[in-house]
PDB file of all heavy atoms in Angstrom:
ATOM      1  N   ALA A   1      38.760 -39.214  90.033  1.00  0.00           N
ATOM      2  CA  ALA A   1      37.331 -39.100  89.728  1.00  0.00           C
ATOM      3  C   ALA A   1      36.490 -39.456  90.954  1.00  0.00           C
ATOM      4  O   ALA A   1      35.554 -38.735  91.307  1.00  0.00           O
ATOM      5  CB  ALA A   1      36.970 -39.998  88.550  1.00  0.00           C
ATOM      6  N   ALA A   2      36.826 -40.553  91.606  1.00  0.00           N
ATOM      7  CA  ALA A   2      36.045 -40.999  92.764  1.00  0.00           C
ATOM      8  C   ALA A   2      36.135 -40.011  93.926  1.00  0.00           C
ATOM      9  O   ALA A   2      35.144 -39.762  94.617  1.00  0.00           O
ATOM     10  CB  ALA A   2      36.525 -42.381  93.211  1.00  0.00           C
ATOM     11  N   GLN A   3      37.297 -39.421  94.130  1.00  0.00           N
ATOM     12  CA  GLN A   3      37.492 -38.522  95.267  1.00  0.00           C
ATOM     13  C   GLN A   3      36.931 -37.126  95.038  1.00  0.00           C
ATOM     14  O   GLN A   3      36.564 -36.448  95.994  1.00  0.00           O
ATOM     15  CB  GLN A   3      38.979 -38.437  95.613  1.00  0.00           C
ATOM     16  CG  GLN A   3      39.535 -39.728  96.157  1.00  0.00           C
ATOM     17  CD  GLN A   3      41.060 -39.753  96.204  1.00  0.00           C
ATOM     18  OE1 GLN A   3      41.731 -38.818  95.778  1.00  0.00           O
ATOM     19  NE2 GLN A   3      41.604 -40.837  96.722  1.00  0.00           N
ATOM     20  N   THR A   4      36.877 -36.688  93.795  1.00  0.00           N
ATOM     21  CA  THR A   4      36.453 -35.309  93.524  1.00  0.00           C
ATOM     22  C   THR A   4      35.034 -35.203  92.991  1.00  0.00           C
ATOM     23  O   THR A   4      34.446 -34.134  93.036  1.00  0.00           O
ATOM     24  CB  THR A   4      37.388 -34.631  92.509  1.00  0.00           C
ATOM     25  OG1 THR A   4      37.284 -35.301  91.238  1.00  0.00           O
ATOM     26  CG2 THR A   4      38.833 -34.628  93.000  1.00  0.00           C
ATOM     27  N   GLY A   5      34.497 -36.300  92.446  1.00  0.00           N
ATOM     28  CA  GLY A   5      33.178 -36.248  91.841  1.00  0.00           C
ATOM     29  C   GLY A   5      33.167 -35.615  90.464  1.00  0.00           C
ATOM     30  O   GLY A   5      32.109 -35.400  89.888  1.00  0.00           O
ATOM     31  N   ILE A   6      34.323 -35.321  89.931  1.00  0.00           N
ATOM     32  CA  ILE A   6      34.454 -34.763  88.581  1.00  0.00           C
ATOM     33  C   ILE A   6      34.793 -35.923  87.642  1.00  0.00           C
ATOM     34  O   ILE A   6      35.701 -36.705  87.931  1.00  0.00           O
ATOM     35  CB  ILE A   6      35.598 -33.714  88.511  1.00  0.00           C
ATOM     36  CG1 ILE A   6      35.364 -32.574  89.491  1.00  0.00           C
ATOM     37  CG2 ILE A   6      35.798 -33.196  87.087  1.00  0.00           C
ATOM     38  CD1 ILE A   6      34.183 -31.714  89.211  1.00  0.00           C
ATOM     39  N   PRO A   7      34.114 -36.053  86.503  1.00  0.00           N
ATOM     40  CA  PRO A   7      34.500 -37.112  85.564  1.00  0.00           C
ATOM     41  C   PRO A   7      35.943 -36.901  85.092  1.00  0.00           C
ATOM     42  O   PRO A   7      36.298 -35.830  84.604  1.00  0.00           O
ATOM     43  CB  PRO A   7      33.524 -36.931  84.401  1.00  0.00           C
ATOM     44  CG  PRO A   7      32.351 -36.220  84.989  1.00  0.00           C
ATOM     45  CD  PRO A   7      32.926 -35.317  86.053  1.00  0.00           C
ATOM     46  N   VAL A   8      36.760 -37.911  85.307  1.00  0.00           N
ATOM     47  CA  VAL A   8      38.155 -37.902  84.858  1.00  0.00           C
ATOM     48  C   VAL A   8      38.338 -39.186  84.064  1.00  0.00           C
ATOM     49  O   VAL A   8      38.280 -40.281  84.622  1.00  0.00           O
ATOM     50  CB  VAL A   8      39.149 -37.831  86.038  1.00  0.00           C
ATOM     51  CG1 VAL A   8      40.579 -37.741  85.517  1.00  0.00           C
ATOM     52  CG2 VAL A   8      38.833 -36.640  86.947  1.00  0.00           C
ATOM     53  N   ILE A   9      38.561 -39.039  82.775  1.00  0.00           N
ATOM     54  CA  ILE A   9      38.585 -40.174  81.862  1.00  0.00           C
ATOM     55  C   ILE A   9      40.021 -40.614  81.594  1.00  0.00           C
ATOM     56  O   ILE A   9      40.878 -39.787  81.280  1.00  0.00           O
ATOM     57  CB  ILE A   9      37.886 -39.815  80.534  1.00  0.00           C
ATOM     58  CG1 ILE A   9      36.471 -39.285  80.797  1.00  0.00           C
ATOM     59  CG2 ILE A   9      37.882 -41.002  79.581  1.00  0.00           C
ATOM     60  CD1 ILE A   9      35.537 -40.216  81.529  1.00  0.00           C
ATOM     61  N   PHE A  10      40.248 -41.910  81.691  1.00  0.00           N
ATOM     62  CA  PHE A  10      41.549 -42.516  81.410  1.00  0.00           C
ATOM     63  C   PHE A  10      41.597 -42.865  79.928  1.00  0.00           C
ATOM     64  O   PHE A  10      40.970 -43.832  79.493  1.00  0.00           O
ATOM     65  CB  PHE A  10      41.728 -43.770  82.275  1.00  0.00           C
ATOM     66  CG  PHE A  10      43.062 -44.430  82.146  1.00  0.00           C
ATOM     67  CD1 PHE A  10      44.183 -43.883  82.746  1.00  0.00           C
ATOM     68  CD2 PHE A  10      43.203 -45.616  81.442  1.00  0.00           C
ATOM     69  CE1 PHE A  10      45.422 -44.511  82.649  1.00  0.00           C
ATOM     70  CE2 PHE A  10      44.434 -46.247  81.336  1.00  0.00           C
ATOM     71  CZ  PHE A  10      45.548 -45.686  81.941  1.00  0.00           C
ATOM     72  N   ALA A  11      42.293 -42.066  79.151  1.00  0.00           N
ATOM     73  CA  ALA A  11      42.421 -42.288  77.708  1.00  0.00           C
ATOM     74  C   ALA A  11      43.892 -42.498  77.353  1.00  0.00           C
ATOM     75  O   ALA A  11      44.424 -41.903  76.421  1.00  0.00           O
ATOM     76  CB  ALA A  11      41.820 -41.128  76.923  1.00  0.00           C
ATOM     77  N   VAL A  12      44.537 -43.347  78.130  1.00  0.00           N
ATOM     78  CA  VAL A  12      45.941 -43.664  77.922  1.00  0.00           C
ATOM     79  C   VAL A  12      46.023 -44.912  77.046  1.00  0.00           C
ATOM     80  O   VAL A  12      45.401 -45.928  77.354  1.00  0.00           O
ATOM     81  CB  VAL A  12      46.672 -43.894  79.258  1.00  0.00           C
ATOM     82  CG1 VAL A  12      48.115 -44.330  79.032  1.00  0.00           C
ATOM     83  CG2 VAL A  12      46.614 -42.625  80.111  1.00  0.00           C
ATOM     84  N   VAL A  13      46.774 -44.812  75.984  1.00  0.00           N
ATOM     85  CA  VAL A  13      46.984 -45.951  75.090  1.00  0.00           C
ATOM     86  C   VAL A  13      48.044 -46.842  75.722  1.00  0.00           C
ATOM     87  O   VAL A  13      49.146 -46.383  76.028  1.00  0.00           O
ATOM     88  CB  VAL A  13      47.430 -45.452  73.694  1.00  0.00           C
ATOM     89  CG1 VAL A  13      47.862 -46.605  72.815  1.00  0.00           C
ATOM     90  CG2 VAL A  13      46.328 -44.652  73.035  1.00  0.00           C
ATOM     91  N   THR A  14      47.703 -48.104  75.944  1.00  0.00           N
ATOM     92  CA  THR A  14      48.654 -49.073  76.518  1.00  0.00           C
ATOM     93  C   THR A  14      48.768 -50.219  75.521  1.00  0.00           C
ATOM     94  O   THR A  14      47.801 -50.942  75.292  1.00  0.00           O
ATOM     95  CB  THR A  14      48.156 -49.578  77.882  1.00  0.00           C
ATOM     96  OG1 THR A  14      46.879 -50.172  77.738  1.00  0.00           O
ATOM     97  CG2 THR A  14      48.062 -48.452  78.895  1.00  0.00           C
ATOM     98  N   THR A  15      49.945 -50.352  74.927  1.00  0.00           N
ATOM     99  CA  THR A  15      50.093 -51.311  73.831  1.00  0.00           C
ATOM    100  C   THR A  15      51.373 -52.121  73.955  1.00  0.00           C
ATOM    101  O   THR A  15      52.284 -51.784  74.716  1.00  0.00           O
ATOM    102  CB  THR A  15      50.111 -50.588  72.464  1.00  0.00           C
ATOM    103  OG1 THR A  15      51.254 -49.742  72.401  1.00  0.00           O
ATOM    104  CG2 THR A  15      48.851 -49.769  72.250  1.00  0.00           C
ATOM    105  N   GLU A  16      51.415 -53.158  73.150  1.00  0.00           N
ATOM    106  CA  GLU A  16      52.601 -54.006  73.068  1.00  0.00           C
ATOM    107  C   GLU A  16      53.646 -53.420  72.108  1.00  0.00           C
ATOM    108  O   GLU A  16      54.835 -53.634  72.293  1.00  0.00           O
ATOM    109  CB  GLU A  16      52.212 -55.406  72.571  1.00  0.00           C
ATOM    110  CG  GLU A  16      51.227 -56.126  73.472  1.00  0.00           C
ATOM    111  CD  GLU A  16      51.829 -56.510  74.821  1.00  0.00           C
ATOM    112  OE1 GLU A  16      53.004 -56.913  74.867  1.00  0.00           O
ATOM    113  OE2 GLU A  16      51.098 -56.400  75.819  1.00  0.00           O
ATOM    114  N   THR A  17      53.176 -52.691  71.074  1.00  0.00           N
ATOM    115  CA  THR A  17      54.089 -52.205  70.037  1.00  0.00           C
ATOM    116  C   THR A  17      53.774 -50.771  69.644  1.00  0.00           C
ATOM    117  O   THR A  17      52.662 -50.280  69.864  1.00  0.00           O
ATOM    118  CB  THR A  17      53.980 -53.068  68.754  1.00  0.00           C
ATOM    119  OG1 THR A  17      52.679 -52.877  68.186  1.00  0.00           O
ATOM    120  CG2 THR A  17      54.229 -54.545  69.040  1.00  0.00           C
ATOM    121  N   ILE A  18      54.733 -50.124  69.024  1.00  0.00           N
ATOM    122  CA  ILE A  18      54.525 -48.770  68.503  1.00  0.00           C
ATOM    123  C   ILE A  18      53.451 -48.772  67.422  1.00  0.00           C
ATOM    124  O   ILE A  18      52.655 -47.840  67.317  1.00  0.00           O
ATOM    125  CB  ILE A  18      55.853 -48.154  67.985  1.00  0.00           C
ATOM    126  CG1 ILE A  18      55.652 -46.685  67.589  1.00  0.00           C
ATOM    127  CG2 ILE A  18      56.386 -48.910  66.797  1.00  0.00           C
ATOM    128  CD1 ILE A  18      55.561 -45.748  68.731  1.00  0.00           C
ATOM    129  N   GLU A  19      53.394 -49.823  66.636  1.00  0.00           N
ATOM    130  CA  GLU A  19      52.377 -49.919  65.576  1.00  0.00           C
ATOM    131  C   GLU A  19      50.969 -49.909  66.170  1.00  0.00           C
ATOM    132  O   GLU A  19      50.066 -49.247  65.640  1.00  0.00           O
ATOM    133  CB  GLU A  19      52.589 -51.178  64.725  1.00  0.00           C
ATOM    134  CG  GLU A  19      53.840 -51.159  63.867  1.00  0.00           C
ATOM    135  CD  GLU A  19      55.121 -51.486  64.643  1.00  0.00           C
ATOM    136  OE1 GLU A  19      55.043 -52.018  65.780  1.00  0.00           O
ATOM    137  OE2 GLU A  19      56.212 -51.192  64.118  1.00  0.00           O
ATOM    138  N   GLN A  20      50.767 -50.638  67.258  1.00  0.00           N
ATOM    139  CA  GLN A  20      49.461 -50.644  67.919  1.00  0.00           C
ATOM    140  C   GLN A  20      49.133 -49.257  68.471  1.00  0.00           C
ATOM    141  O   GLN A  20      47.975 -48.818  68.423  1.00  0.00           O
ATOM    142  CB  GLN A  20      49.442 -51.669  69.056  1.00  0.00           C
ATOM    143  CG  GLN A  20      49.470 -53.103  68.591  1.00  0.00           C
ATOM    144  CD  GLN A  20      49.634 -54.066  69.760  1.00  0.00           C
ATOM    145  OE1 GLN A  20      50.055 -53.691  70.858  1.00  0.00           O
ATOM    146  NE2 GLN A  20      49.313 -55.332  69.526  1.00  0.00           N
ATOM    147  N   ALA A  21      50.138 -48.570  68.990  1.00  0.00           N
ATOM    148  CA  ALA A  21      49.923 -47.222  69.522  1.00  0.00           C
ATOM    149  C   ALA A  21      49.491 -46.266  68.408  1.00  0.00           C
ATOM    150  O   ALA A  21      48.578 -45.461  68.588  1.00  0.00           O
ATOM    151  CB  ALA A  21      51.194 -46.718  70.202  1.00  0.00           C
ATOM    152  N   ILE A  22      50.131 -46.384  67.258  1.00  0.00           N
ATOM    153  CA  ILE A  22      49.765 -45.542  66.121  1.00  0.00           C
ATOM    154  C   ILE A  22      48.319 -45.817  65.707  1.00  0.00           C
ATOM    155  O   ILE A  22      47.545 -44.891  65.433  1.00  0.00           O
ATOM    156  CB  ILE A  22      50.744 -45.753  64.953  1.00  0.00           C
ATOM    157  CG1 ILE A  22      52.120 -45.189  65.334  1.00  0.00           C
ATOM    158  CG2 ILE A  22      50.231 -45.116  63.669  1.00  0.00           C
ATOM    159  CD1 ILE A  22      53.239 -45.586  64.394  1.00  0.00           C
ATOM    160  N   GLU A  23      47.942 -47.084  65.683  1.00  0.00           N
ATOM    161  CA  GLU A  23      46.571 -47.456  65.315  1.00  0.00           C
ATOM    162  C   GLU A  23      45.546 -46.856  66.264  1.00  0.00           C
ATOM    163  O   GLU A  23      44.464 -46.449  65.835  1.00  0.00           O
ATOM    164  CB  GLU A  23      46.416 -48.984  65.314  1.00  0.00           C
ATOM    165  CG  GLU A  23      47.115 -49.672  64.172  1.00  0.00           C
ATOM    166  CD  GLU A  23      47.058 -51.192  64.275  1.00  0.00           C
ATOM    167  OE1 GLU A  23      46.447 -51.717  65.240  1.00  0.00           O
ATOM    168  OE2 GLU A  23      47.616 -51.855  63.392  1.00  0.00           O
ATOM    169  N   ARG A  24      45.860 -46.778  67.552  1.00  0.00           N
ATOM    170  CA  ARG A  24      44.904 -46.308  68.551  1.00  0.00           C
ATOM    171  C   ARG A  24      44.940 -44.793  68.746  1.00  0.00           C
ATOM    172  O   ARG A  24      44.171 -44.247  69.538  1.00  0.00           O
ATOM    173  CB  ARG A  24      45.159 -47.012  69.878  1.00  0.00           C
ATOM    174  CG  ARG A  24      44.728 -48.471  69.824  1.00  0.00           C
ATOM    175  CD  ARG A  24      45.326 -49.304  70.948  1.00  0.00           C
ATOM    176  NE  ARG A  24      44.856 -50.670  70.918  1.00  0.00           N
ATOM    177  CZ  ARG A  24      45.288 -51.603  70.068  1.00  0.00           C
ATOM    178  NH1 ARG A  24      46.173 -51.307  69.138  1.00  0.00           N
ATOM    179  NH2 ARG A  24      44.810 -52.835  70.131  1.00  0.00           N
ATOM    180  N   SER A  25      45.825 -44.132  68.016  1.00  0.00           N
ATOM    181  CA  SER A  25      45.926 -42.675  68.166  1.00  0.00           C
ATOM    182  C   SER A  25      45.569 -41.950  66.876  1.00  0.00           C
ATOM    183  O   SER A  25      46.013 -40.831  66.645  1.00  0.00           O
ATOM    184  CB  SER A  25      47.345 -42.287  68.612  1.00  0.00           C
ATOM    185  OG  SER A  25      48.284 -42.597  67.592  1.00  0.00           O
ATOM    186  N   GLY A  26      44.773 -42.594  66.062  1.00  0.00           N
ATOM    187  CA  GLY A  26      44.281 -41.861  64.905  1.00  0.00           C
ATOM    188  C   GLY A  26      44.271 -42.594  63.593  1.00  0.00           C
ATOM    189  O   GLY A  26      43.911 -42.025  62.576  1.00  0.00           O
ATOM    190  N   SER A  27      44.623 -43.874  63.578  1.00  0.00           N
ATOM    191  CA  SER A  27      44.540 -44.575  62.290  1.00  0.00           C
ATOM    192  C   SER A  27      43.463 -45.656  62.363  1.00  0.00           C
ATOM    193  O   SER A  27      42.323 -45.367  62.691  1.00  0.00           O
ATOM    194  CB  SER A  27      45.910 -45.117  61.857  1.00  0.00           C
ATOM    195  OG  SER A  27      46.326 -46.182  62.666  1.00  0.00           O
ATOM    196  N   LYS A  28      43.808 -46.894  62.133  1.00  0.00           N
ATOM    197  CA  LYS A  28      42.826 -47.989  62.016  1.00  0.00           C
ATOM    198  C   LYS A  28      41.875 -48.143  63.200  1.00  0.00           C
ATOM    199  O   LYS A  28      40.700 -48.425  63.020  1.00  0.00           O
ATOM    200  CB  LYS A  28      43.553 -49.329  61.852  1.00  0.00           C
ATOM    201  CG  LYS A  28      44.231 -49.526  60.552  1.00  0.00           C
ATOM    202  CD  LYS A  28      44.730 -50.961  60.500  1.00  0.00           C
ATOM    203  CE  LYS A  28      46.124 -51.029  59.946  1.00  0.00           C
ATOM    204  NZ  LYS A  28      46.644 -52.383  59.981  1.00  0.00           N
ATOM    205  N   ALA A  29      42.367 -47.993  64.395  1.00  0.00           N
ATOM    206  CA  ALA A  29      41.563 -48.278  65.588  1.00  0.00           C
ATOM    207  C   ALA A  29      40.961 -47.015  66.195  1.00  0.00           C
ATOM    208  O   ALA A  29      40.584 -47.001  67.361  1.00  0.00           O
ATOM    209  CB  ALA A  29      42.409 -49.024  66.614  1.00  0.00           C
ATOM    210  N   GLY A  30      40.851 -45.953  65.436  1.00  0.00           N
ATOM    211  CA  GLY A  30      40.265 -44.718  65.947  1.00  0.00           C
ATOM    212  C   GLY A  30      41.264 -43.909  66.743  1.00  0.00           C
ATOM    213  O   GLY A  30      42.477 -44.037  66.578  1.00  0.00           O
ATOM    214  N   ASN A  31      40.753 -43.046  67.610  1.00  0.00           N
ATOM    215  CA  ASN A  31      41.596 -42.176  68.421  1.00  0.00           C
ATOM    216  C   ASN A  31      41.045 -42.192  69.844  1.00  0.00           C
ATOM    217  O   ASN A  31      39.933 -41.745  70.090  1.00  0.00           O
ATOM    218  CB  ASN A  31      41.595 -40.753  67.840  1.00  0.00           C
ATOM    219  CG  ASN A  31      42.536 -39.828  68.572  1.00  0.00           C
ATOM    220  OD1 ASN A  31      42.441 -39.673  69.783  1.00  0.00           O
ATOM    221  ND2 ASN A  31      43.435 -39.208  67.833  1.00  0.00           N
ATOM    222  N   LYS A  32      41.828 -42.718  70.754  1.00  0.00           N
ATOM    223  CA  LYS A  32      41.377 -42.857  72.142  1.00  0.00           C
ATOM    224  C   LYS A  32      41.214 -41.500  72.825  1.00  0.00           C
ATOM    225  O   LYS A  32      40.430 -41.372  73.768  1.00  0.00           O
ATOM    226  CB  LYS A  32      42.315 -43.757  72.938  1.00  0.00           C
ATOM    227  CG  LYS A  32      42.397 -45.181  72.385  1.00  0.00           C
ATOM    228  CD  LYS A  32      41.032 -45.790  72.195  1.00  0.00           C
ATOM    229  CE  LYS A  32      41.105 -47.142  71.522  1.00  0.00           C
ATOM    230  NZ  LYS A  32      39.845 -47.571  70.949  1.00  0.00           N
ATOM    231  N   GLY A  33      41.913 -40.474  72.370  1.00  0.00           N
ATOM    232  CA  GLY A  33      41.700 -39.129  72.907  1.00  0.00           C
ATOM    233  C   GLY A  33      40.320 -38.612  72.548  1.00  0.00           C
ATOM    234  O   GLY A  33      39.609 -38.039  73.379  1.00  0.00           O
ATOM    235  N   TYR A  34      39.915 -38.827  71.312  1.00  0.00           N
ATOM    236  CA  TYR A  34      38.586 -38.445  70.846  1.00  0.00           C
ATOM    237  C   TYR A  34      37.522 -39.190  71.652  1.00  0.00           C
ATOM    238  O   TYR A  34      36.567 -38.588  72.158  1.00  0.00           O
ATOM    239  CB  TYR A  34      38.459 -38.768  69.357  1.00  0.00           C
ATOM    240  CG  TYR A  34      37.101 -38.473  68.751  1.00  0.00           C
ATOM    241  CD1 TYR A  34      36.809 -37.210  68.254  1.00  0.00           C
ATOM    242  CD2 TYR A  34      36.129 -39.461  68.675  1.00  0.00           C
ATOM    243  CE1 TYR A  34      35.570 -36.929  67.696  1.00  0.00           C
ATOM    244  CE2 TYR A  34      34.884 -39.199  68.124  1.00  0.00           C
ATOM    245  CZ  TYR A  34      34.605 -37.933  67.628  1.00  0.00           C
ATOM    246  OH  TYR A  34      33.375 -37.664  67.085  1.00  0.00           O
TER     247      TYR A  34
END
């Protein structure tokens, strides 16, 4: 993003557990891609 001037968004889920990943990809904690 800094080098090109194009907005590049980091929407990578980084979690301790698979359950947390599921929550952040469309259940309790929303969807980080959205």
